[in-house]
Amino acid sequence: MQDRGLQRLGHPSPVDVGDAARVADRGAMAVADCTGAGDRKRIATLIQLEQEHPEDSSQRRKDLTQLLRAYFPKAMAALDCDSA
């Protein structure tokens, strides 16, 4: 996954969500292949924060990672994807 788009959100680093994911200071992104219903698609979730809250960027990163881990598998399941 290219993380140039996340560069503007501050220091992206990999996390274990989907096929590939990055968490930055002010956002996060996860992607995965979806092979449900015989179709092959690539699913992406992008989160961009409007405000730097909480103020501690390490806590924001933890919160964003938890959000991706909770949301992304459910989104993949809702789309009838075989993997998340």
PDB file of N, CA and C in Angstrom:
ATOM      1  N   MET A   1       0.842  -1.177   0.000  1.00  0.00           N
ATOM      2  CA  MET A   1       0.000   0.000   0.000  1.00  0.00           C
ATOM      3  C   MET A   1       0.886   1.238   0.000  1.00  0.00           C
ATOM      4  N   GLN A   2       0.570   2.181  -0.848  1.00  0.00           N
ATOM      5  CA  GLN A   2       1.272   3.455  -0.872  1.00  0.00           C
ATOM      6  C   GLN A   2       0.754   4.319   0.270  1.00  0.00           C
ATOM      7  N   ASP A   3       1.647   4.892   1.064  1.00  0.00           N
ATOM      8  CA  ASP A   3       1.180   5.713   2.168  1.00  0.00           C
ATOM      9  C   ASP A   3       1.454   7.189   1.933  1.00  0.00           C
ATOM     10  N   ARG A   4       1.757   7.585   0.674  1.00  0.00           N
ATOM     11  CA  ARG A   4       2.004   8.992   0.382  1.00  0.00           C
ATOM     12  C   ARG A   4       0.804   9.858   0.730  1.00  0.00           C
ATOM     13  N   GLY A   5      -0.408   9.345   0.512  1.00  0.00           N
ATOM     14  CA  GLY A   5      -1.601  10.098   0.853  1.00  0.00           C
ATOM     15  C   GLY A   5      -1.733  10.340   2.347  1.00  0.00           C
ATOM     16  N   LEU A   6      -1.203   9.418   3.135  1.00  0.00           N
ATOM     17  CA  LEU A   6      -1.260   9.580   4.587  1.00  0.00           C
ATOM     18  C   LEU A   6      -0.115  10.436   5.125  1.00  0.00           C
ATOM     19  N   GLN A   7       0.892  10.697   4.324  1.00  0.00           N
ATOM     20  CA  GLN A   7       2.021  11.516   4.775  1.00  0.00           C
ATOM     21  C   GLN A   7       1.530  12.854   5.326  1.00  0.00           C
ATOM     22  N   ARG A   8       0.548  13.450   4.671  1.00  0.00           N
ATOM     23  CA  ARG A   8       0.046  14.753   5.110  1.00  0.00           C
ATOM     24  C   ARG A   8      -0.675  14.657   6.457  1.00  0.00           C
ATOM     25  N   LEU A   9      -1.049  13.427   6.851  1.00  0.00           N
ATOM     26  CA  LEU A   9      -1.711  13.226   8.134  1.00  0.00           C
ATOM     27  C   LEU A   9      -0.723  12.921   9.256  1.00  0.00           C
ATOM     28  N   GLY A  10       0.554  12.864   8.930  1.00  0.00           N
ATOM     29  CA  GLY A  10       1.581  12.771   9.950  1.00  0.00           C
ATOM     30  C   GLY A  10       2.129  11.406  10.281  1.00  0.00           C
ATOM     31  N   HIS A  11       3.292  11.089   9.762  1.00  0.00           N
ATOM     32  CA  HIS A  11       4.093   9.929  10.154  1.00  0.00           C
ATOM     33  C   HIS A  11       3.343   8.594  10.128  1.00  0.00           C
ATOM     34  N   PRO A  12       2.850   8.161   8.975  1.00  0.00           N
ATOM     35  CA  PRO A  12       2.129   6.884   8.932  1.00  0.00           C
ATOM     36  C   PRO A  12       3.042   5.699   9.252  1.00  0.00           C
ATOM     37  N   SER A  13       2.468   4.725   9.951  1.00  0.00           N
ATOM     38  CA  SER A  13       3.204   3.497  10.237  1.00  0.00           C
ATOM     39  C   SER A  13       2.245   2.319  10.112  1.00  0.00           C
ATOM     40  N   PRO A  14       2.781   1.139   9.756  1.00  0.00           N
ATOM     41  CA  PRO A  14       1.924  -0.027   9.526  1.00  0.00           C
ATOM     42  C   PRO A  14       1.262  -0.545  10.802  1.00  0.00           C
ATOM     43  N   VAL A  15       0.047  -1.066  10.628  1.00  0.00           N
ATOM     44  CA  VAL A  15      -0.663  -1.788  11.690  1.00  0.00           C
ATOM     45  C   VAL A  15      -1.293  -3.022  11.060  1.00  0.00           C
ATOM     46  N   ASP A  16      -1.599  -3.995  11.879  1.00  0.00           N
ATOM     47  CA  ASP A  16      -2.117  -5.276  11.415  1.00  0.00           C
ATOM     48  C   ASP A  16      -3.647  -5.249  11.322  1.00  0.00           C
ATOM     49  N   VAL A  17      -4.153  -4.736  10.199  1.00  0.00           N
ATOM     50  CA  VAL A  17      -5.583  -4.700   9.923  1.00  0.00           C
ATOM     51  C   VAL A  17      -5.760  -4.947   8.428  1.00  0.00           C
ATOM     52  N   GLY A  18      -6.663  -5.847   8.047  1.00  0.00           N
ATOM     53  CA  GLY A  18      -6.876  -6.122   6.623  1.00  0.00           C
ATOM     54  C   GLY A  18      -5.615  -6.652   5.967  1.00  0.00           C
ATOM     55  N   ASP A  19      -5.473  -6.398   4.660  1.00  0.00           N
ATOM     56  CA  ASP A  19      -4.265  -6.811   3.939  1.00  0.00           C
ATOM     57  C   ASP A  19      -3.122  -5.846   4.194  1.00  0.00           C
ATOM     58  N   ALA A  20      -3.467  -4.576   4.395  1.00  0.00           N
ATOM     59  CA  ALA A  20      -2.466  -3.547   4.658  1.00  0.00           C
ATOM     60  C   ALA A  20      -3.174  -2.376   5.323  1.00  0.00           C
ATOM     61  N   ALA A  21      -2.512  -1.786   6.285  1.00  0.00           N
ATOM     62  CA  ALA A  21      -3.094  -0.622   6.967  1.00  0.00           C
ATOM     63  C   ALA A  21      -1.969   0.255   7.487  1.00  0.00           C
ATOM     64  N   ARG A  22      -2.279   1.533   7.613  1.00  0.00           N
ATOM     65  CA  ARG A  22      -1.359   2.514   8.170  1.00  0.00           C
ATOM     66  C   ARG A  22      -2.144   3.400   9.123  1.00  0.00           C
ATOM     67  N   VAL A  23      -1.498   3.777  10.213  1.00  0.00           N
ATOM     68  CA  VAL A  23      -2.075   4.739  11.145  1.00  0.00           C
ATOM     69  C   VAL A  23      -1.115   5.915  11.233  1.00  0.00           C
ATOM     70  N   ALA A  24      -1.676   7.115  11.120  1.00  0.00           N
ATOM     71  CA  ALA A  24      -0.892   8.345  11.180  1.00  0.00           C
ATOM     72  C   ALA A  24      -1.338   9.160  12.393  1.00  0.00           C
ATOM     73  N   ASP A  25      -0.736  10.326  12.570  1.00  0.00           N
ATOM     74  CA  ASP A  25      -1.079  11.174  13.709  1.00  0.00           C
ATOM     75  C   ASP A  25      -2.520  11.676  13.651  1.00  0.00           C
ATOM     76  N   ARG A  26      -3.040  11.910  12.435  1.00  0.00           N
ATOM     77  CA  ARG A  26      -4.377  12.486  12.289  1.00  0.00           C
ATOM     78  C   ARG A  26      -5.268  11.681  11.346  1.00  0.00           C
ATOM     79  N   GLY A  27      -4.991  10.386  11.198  1.00  0.00           N
ATOM     80  CA  GLY A  27      -5.839   9.574  10.334  1.00  0.00           C
ATOM     81  C   GLY A  27      -5.318   8.158  10.202  1.00  0.00           C
ATOM     82  N   ALA A  28      -6.077   7.358   9.448  1.00  0.00           N
ATOM     83  CA  ALA A  28      -5.711   5.958   9.259  1.00  0.00           C
ATOM     84  C   ALA A  28      -6.349   5.440   7.976  1.00  0.00           C
ATOM     85  N   MET A  29      -5.790   4.342   7.467  1.00  0.00           N
ATOM     86  CA  MET A  29      -6.312   3.727   6.253  1.00  0.00           C
ATOM     87  C   MET A  29      -6.065   2.228   6.307  1.00  0.00           C
ATOM     88  N   ALA A  30      -7.064   1.456   5.872  1.00  0.00           N
ATOM     89  CA  ALA A  30      -6.922   0.004   5.760  1.00  0.00           C
ATOM     90  C   ALA A  30      -7.476  -0.424   4.409  1.00  0.00           C
ATOM     91  N   VAL A  31      -6.848  -1.428   3.802  1.00  0.00           N
ATOM     92  CA  VAL A  31      -7.315  -1.967   2.521  1.00  0.00           C
ATOM     93  C   VAL A  31      -7.252  -3.490   2.570  1.00  0.00           C
ATOM     94  N   ALA A  32      -8.113  -4.118   1.775  1.00  0.00           N
ATOM     95  CA  ALA A  32      -8.101  -5.577   1.663  1.00  0.00           C
ATOM     96  C   ALA A  32      -8.795  -5.977   0.375  1.00  0.00           C
ATOM     97  N   ASP A  33      -8.409  -7.128  -0.147  1.00  0.00           N
ATOM     98  CA  ASP A  33      -9.096  -7.695  -1.304  1.00  0.00           C
ATOM     99  C   ASP A  33     -10.383  -8.346  -0.837  1.00  0.00           C
ATOM    100  N   CYS A  34     -11.414  -8.216  -1.646  1.00  0.00           N
ATOM    101  CA  CYS A  34     -12.717  -8.803  -1.355  1.00  0.00           C
ATOM    102  C   CYS A  34     -13.069  -9.729  -2.505  1.00  0.00           C
ATOM    103  N   THR A  35     -13.254 -11.005  -2.205  1.00  0.00           N
ATOM    104  CA  THR A  35     -13.563 -11.979  -3.254  1.00  0.00           C
ATOM    105  C   THR A  35     -14.947 -12.582  -3.089  1.00  0.00           C
ATOM    106  N   GLY A  36     -15.810 -11.931  -2.316  1.00  0.00           N
ATOM    107  CA  GLY A  36     -17.156 -12.446  -2.096  1.00  0.00           C
ATOM    108  C   GLY A  36     -18.014 -12.384  -3.335  1.00  0.00           C
ATOM    109  N   ALA A  37     -18.972 -13.269  -3.417  1.00  0.00           N
ATOM    110  CA  ALA A  37     -19.960 -13.326  -4.513  1.00  0.00           C
ATOM    111  C   ALA A  37     -19.296 -13.444  -5.884  1.00  0.00           C
ATOM    112  N   GLY A  38     -18.103 -14.047  -5.932  1.00  0.00           N
ATOM    113  CA  GLY A  38     -17.435 -14.269  -7.209  1.00  0.00           C
ATOM    114  C   GLY A  38     -16.775 -13.046  -7.808  1.00  0.00           C
ATOM    115  N   ASP A  39     -16.974 -11.885  -7.219  1.00  0.00           N
ATOM    116  CA  ASP A  39     -16.340 -10.664  -7.715  1.00  0.00           C
ATOM    117  C   ASP A  39     -15.070 -10.398  -6.926  1.00  0.00           C
ATOM    118  N   ARG A  40     -14.103  -9.839  -7.596  1.00  0.00           N
ATOM    119  CA  ARG A  40     -12.879  -9.441  -6.902  1.00  0.00           C
ATOM    120  C   ARG A  40     -12.833  -7.922  -6.856  1.00  0.00           C
ATOM    121  N   LYS A  41     -12.801  -7.390  -5.642  1.00  0.00           N
ATOM    122  CA  LYS A  41     -12.756  -5.944  -5.437  1.00  0.00           C
ATOM    123  C   LYS A  41     -11.683  -5.632  -4.409  1.00  0.00           C
ATOM    124  N   ARG A  42     -11.298  -4.402  -4.356  1.00  0.00           N
ATOM    125  CA  ARG A  42     -10.387  -3.923  -3.314  1.00  0.00           C
ATOM    126  C   ARG A  42     -11.182  -2.931  -2.468  1.00  0.00           C
ATOM    127  N   ILE A  43     -11.255  -3.198  -1.172  1.00  0.00           N
ATOM    128  CA  ILE A  43     -12.016  -2.367  -0.247  1.00  0.00           C
ATOM    129  C   ILE A  43     -11.036  -1.499   0.546  1.00  0.00           C
ATOM    130  N   ALA A  44     -11.383  -0.232   0.710  1.00  0.00           N
ATOM    131  CA  ALA A  44     -10.537   0.680   1.481  1.00  0.00           C
ATOM    132  C   ALA A  44     -11.380   1.478   2.464  1.00  0.00           C
ATOM    133  N   THR A  45     -10.809   1.723   3.615  1.00  0.00           N
ATOM    134  CA  THR A  45     -11.406   2.596   4.614  1.00  0.00           C
ATOM    135  C   THR A  45     -10.382   3.672   4.944  1.00  0.00           C
ATOM    136  N   LEU A  46     -10.804   4.923   4.862  1.00  0.00           N
ATOM    137  CA  LEU A  46      -9.933   6.052   5.178  1.00  0.00           C
ATOM    138  C   LEU A  46     -10.594   6.871   6.282  1.00  0.00           C
ATOM    139  N   ILE A  47      -9.834   7.151   7.315  1.00  0.00           N
ATOM    140  CA  ILE A  47     -10.302   7.977   8.421  1.00  0.00           C
ATOM    141  C   ILE A  47      -9.402   9.208   8.481  1.00  0.00           C
ATOM    142  N   GLN A  48     -10.011  10.392   8.447  1.00  0.00           N
ATOM    143  CA  GLN A  48      -9.267  11.638   8.586  1.00  0.00           C
ATOM    144  C   GLN A  48      -9.878  12.434   9.731  1.00  0.00           C
ATOM    145  N   LEU A  49      -9.062  12.808  10.690  1.00  0.00           N
ATOM    146  CA  LEU A  49      -9.555  13.549  11.840  1.00  0.00           C
ATOM    147  C   LEU A  49      -9.621  15.038  11.529  1.00  0.00           C
ATOM    148  N   GLU A  50     -10.716  15.659  11.908  1.00  0.00           N
ATOM    149  CA  GLU A  50     -10.889  17.095  11.742  1.00  0.00           C
ATOM    150  C   GLU A  50     -10.171  17.865  12.848  1.00  0.00           C
ATOM    151  N   GLN A  51     -10.058  17.251  14.017  1.00  0.00           N
ATOM    152  CA  GLN A  51      -9.413  17.881  15.156  1.00  0.00           C
ATOM    153  C   GLN A  51      -8.403  16.916  15.758  1.00  0.00           C
ATOM    154  N   GLU A  52      -7.385  17.460  16.374  1.00  0.00           N
ATOM    155  CA  GLU A  52      -6.382  16.629  17.041  1.00  0.00           C
ATOM    156  C   GLU A  52      -6.848  16.366  18.474  1.00  0.00           C
ATOM    157  N   HIS A  53      -7.712  15.370  18.591  1.00  0.00           N
ATOM    158  CA  HIS A  53      -8.269  15.027  19.900  1.00  0.00           C
ATOM    159  C   HIS A  53      -8.245  13.517  20.059  1.00  0.00           C
ATOM    160  N   PRO A  54      -7.687  12.948  21.108  1.00  0.00           N
ATOM    161  CA  PRO A  54      -7.057  13.663  22.214  1.00  0.00           C
ATOM    162  C   PRO A  54      -5.759  14.349  21.783  1.00  0.00           C
ATOM    163  N   GLU A  55      -5.271  15.239  22.620  1.00  0.00           N
ATOM    164  CA  GLU A  55      -4.074  16.013  22.275  1.00  0.00           C
ATOM    165  C   GLU A  55      -2.842  15.127  22.116  1.00  0.00           C
ATOM    166  N   ASP A  56      -2.744  14.076  22.883  1.00  0.00           N
ATOM    167  CA  ASP A  56      -1.609  13.153  22.841  1.00  0.00           C
ATOM    168  C   ASP A  56      -1.676  12.323  21.550  1.00  0.00           C
ATOM    169  N   SER A  57      -0.725  12.523  20.634  1.00  0.00           N
ATOM    170  CA  SER A  57      -0.777  11.824  19.341  1.00  0.00           C
ATOM    171  C   SER A  57      -0.625  10.312  19.487  1.00  0.00           C
ATOM    172  N   SER A  58       0.107   9.846  20.490  1.00  0.00           N
ATOM    173  CA  SER A  58       0.235   8.390  20.663  1.00  0.00           C
ATOM    174  C   SER A  58      -1.113   7.789  21.075  1.00  0.00           C
ATOM    175  N   GLN A  59      -1.882   8.499  21.878  1.00  0.00           N
ATOM    176  CA  GLN A  59      -3.209   8.012  22.251  1.00  0.00           C
ATOM    177  C   GLN A  59      -4.150   8.051  21.044  1.00  0.00           C
ATOM    178  N   ARG A  60      -4.060   9.099  20.219  1.00  0.00           N
ATOM    179  CA  ARG A  60      -4.863   9.161  18.986  1.00  0.00           C
ATOM    180  C   ARG A  60      -4.572   7.960  18.110  1.00  0.00           C
ATOM    181  N   ARG A  61      -3.294   7.625  17.963  1.00  0.00           N
ATOM    182  CA  ARG A  61      -2.908   6.484  17.138  1.00  0.00           C
ATOM    183  C   ARG A  61      -3.498   5.181  17.684  1.00  0.00           C
ATOM    184  N   LYS A  62      -3.440   5.005  18.991  1.00  0.00           N
ATOM    185  CA  LYS A  62      -4.031   3.813  19.607  1.00  0.00           C
ATOM    186  C   LYS A  62      -5.532   3.774  19.352  1.00  0.00           C
ATOM    187  N   ASP A  63      -6.184   4.919  19.515  1.00  0.00           N
ATOM    188  CA  ASP A  63      -7.631   4.998  19.286  1.00  0.00           C
ATOM    189  C   ASP A  63      -7.983   4.714  17.824  1.00  0.00           C
ATOM    190  N   LEU A  64      -7.208   5.264  16.899  1.00  0.00           N
ATOM    191  CA  LEU A  64      -7.448   5.017  15.473  1.00  0.00           C
ATOM    192  C   LEU A  64      -7.240   3.543  15.131  1.00  0.00           C
ATOM    193  N   THR A  65      -6.233   2.927  15.714  1.00  0.00           N
ATOM    194  CA  THR A  65      -5.985   1.504  15.481  1.00  0.00           C
ATOM    195  C   THR A  65      -7.153   0.675  16.003  1.00  0.00           C
ATOM    196  N   GLN A  66      -7.641   0.987  17.194  1.00  0.00           N
ATOM    197  CA  GLN A  66      -8.799   0.274  17.743  1.00  0.00           C
ATOM    198  C   GLN A  66     -10.026   0.454  16.855  1.00  0.00           C
ATOM    199  N   LEU A  67     -10.228   1.661  16.351  1.00  0.00           N
ATOM    200  CA  LEU A  67     -11.366   1.915  15.464  1.00  0.00           C
ATOM    201  C   LEU A  67     -11.259   1.078  14.198  1.00  0.00           C
ATOM    202  N   LEU A  68     -10.092   1.055  13.564  1.00  0.00           N
ATOM    203  CA  LEU A  68      -9.905   0.230  12.364  1.00  0.00           C
ATOM    204  C   LEU A  68     -10.153  -1.240  12.660  1.00  0.00           C
ATOM    205  N   ARG A  69      -9.623  -1.737  13.769  1.00  0.00           N
ATOM    206  CA  ARG A  69      -9.782  -3.159  14.113  1.00  0.00           C
ATOM    207  C   ARG A  69     -11.241  -3.516  14.391  1.00  0.00           C
ATOM    208  N   ALA A  70     -12.009  -2.579  14.911  1.00  0.00           N
ATOM    209  CA  ALA A  70     -13.427  -2.836  15.180  1.00  0.00           C
ATOM    210  C   ALA A  70     -14.277  -2.682  13.921  1.00  0.00           C
ATOM    211  N   TYR A  71     -14.002  -1.666  13.128  1.00  0.00           N
ATOM    212  CA  TYR A  71     -14.857  -1.325  11.987  1.00  0.00           C
ATOM    213  C   TYR A  71     -14.570  -2.154  10.735  1.00  0.00           C
ATOM    214  N   PHE A  72     -13.298  -2.280  10.383  1.00  0.00           N
ATOM    215  CA  PHE A  72     -12.940  -2.842   9.077  1.00  0.00           C
ATOM    216  C   PHE A  72     -13.442  -4.271   8.865  1.00  0.00           C
ATOM    217  N   PRO A  73     -13.264  -5.193   9.809  1.00  0.00           N
ATOM    218  CA  PRO A  73     -13.788  -6.548   9.588  1.00  0.00           C
ATOM    219  C   PRO A  73     -15.308  -6.571   9.426  1.00  0.00           C
ATOM    220  N   LYS A  74     -16.002  -5.715  10.154  1.00  0.00           N
ATOM    221  CA  LYS A  74     -17.462  -5.655  10.032  1.00  0.00           C
ATOM    222  C   LYS A  74     -17.877  -5.090   8.681  1.00  0.00           C
ATOM    223  N   ALA A  75     -17.146  -4.112   8.193  1.00  0.00           N
ATOM    224  CA  ALA A  75     -17.435  -3.567   6.867  1.00  0.00           C
ATOM    225  C   ALA A  75     -17.201  -4.623   5.793  1.00  0.00           C
ATOM    226  N   MET A  76     -16.122  -5.371   5.932  1.00  0.00           N
ATOM    227  CA  MET A  76     -15.834  -6.443   4.971  1.00  0.00           C
ATOM    228  C   MET A  76     -16.946  -7.503   5.012  1.00  0.00           C
ATOM    229  N   ALA A  77     -17.384  -7.882   6.188  1.00  0.00           N
ATOM    230  CA  ALA A  77     -18.457  -8.879   6.329  1.00  0.00           C
ATOM    231  C   ALA A  77     -19.754  -8.357   5.726  1.00  0.00           C
ATOM    232  N   ALA A  78     -20.053  -7.078   5.939  1.00  0.00           N
ATOM    233  CA  ALA A  78     -21.279  -6.500   5.384  1.00  0.00           C
ATOM    234  C   ALA A  78     -21.270  -6.503   3.864  1.00  0.00           C
ATOM    235  N   LEU A  79     -20.075  -6.492   3.282  1.00  0.00           N
ATOM    236  CA  LEU A  79     -19.925  -6.534   1.825  1.00  0.00           C
ATOM    237  C   LEU A  79     -19.772  -7.959   1.307  1.00  0.00           C
ATOM    238  N   ASP A  80     -19.985  -8.955   2.182  1.00  0.00           N
ATOM    239  CA  ASP A  80     -19.862 -10.368   1.849  1.00  0.00           C
ATOM    240  C   ASP A  80     -18.474 -10.737   1.326  1.00  0.00           C
ATOM    241  N   CYS A  81     -17.465 -10.142   1.946  1.00  0.00           N
ATOM    242  CA  CYS A  81     -16.085 -10.450   1.566  1.00  0.00           C
ATOM    243  C   CYS A  81     -15.625 -11.693   2.317  1.00  0.00           C
ATOM    244  N   ASP A  82     -14.778 -12.487   1.658  1.00  0.00           N
ATOM    245  CA  ASP A  82     -14.301 -13.726   2.251  1.00  0.00           C
ATOM    246  C   ASP A  82     -13.191 -13.525   3.269  1.00  0.00           C
ATOM    247  N   SER A  83     -12.476 -12.386   3.199  1.00  0.00           N
ATOM    248  CA  SER A  83     -11.381 -12.176   4.129  1.00  0.00           C
ATOM    249  C   SER A  83     -11.427 -10.757   4.656  1.00  0.00           C
ATOM    250  N   ALA A  84     -10.871 -10.583   5.840  1.00  0.00           N
ATOM    251  CA  ALA A  84     -10.774  -9.253   6.447  1.00  0.00           C
ATOM    252  C   ALA A  84      -9.518  -9.153   7.256  1.00  0.00           C
TER     253      ALA A  84
END
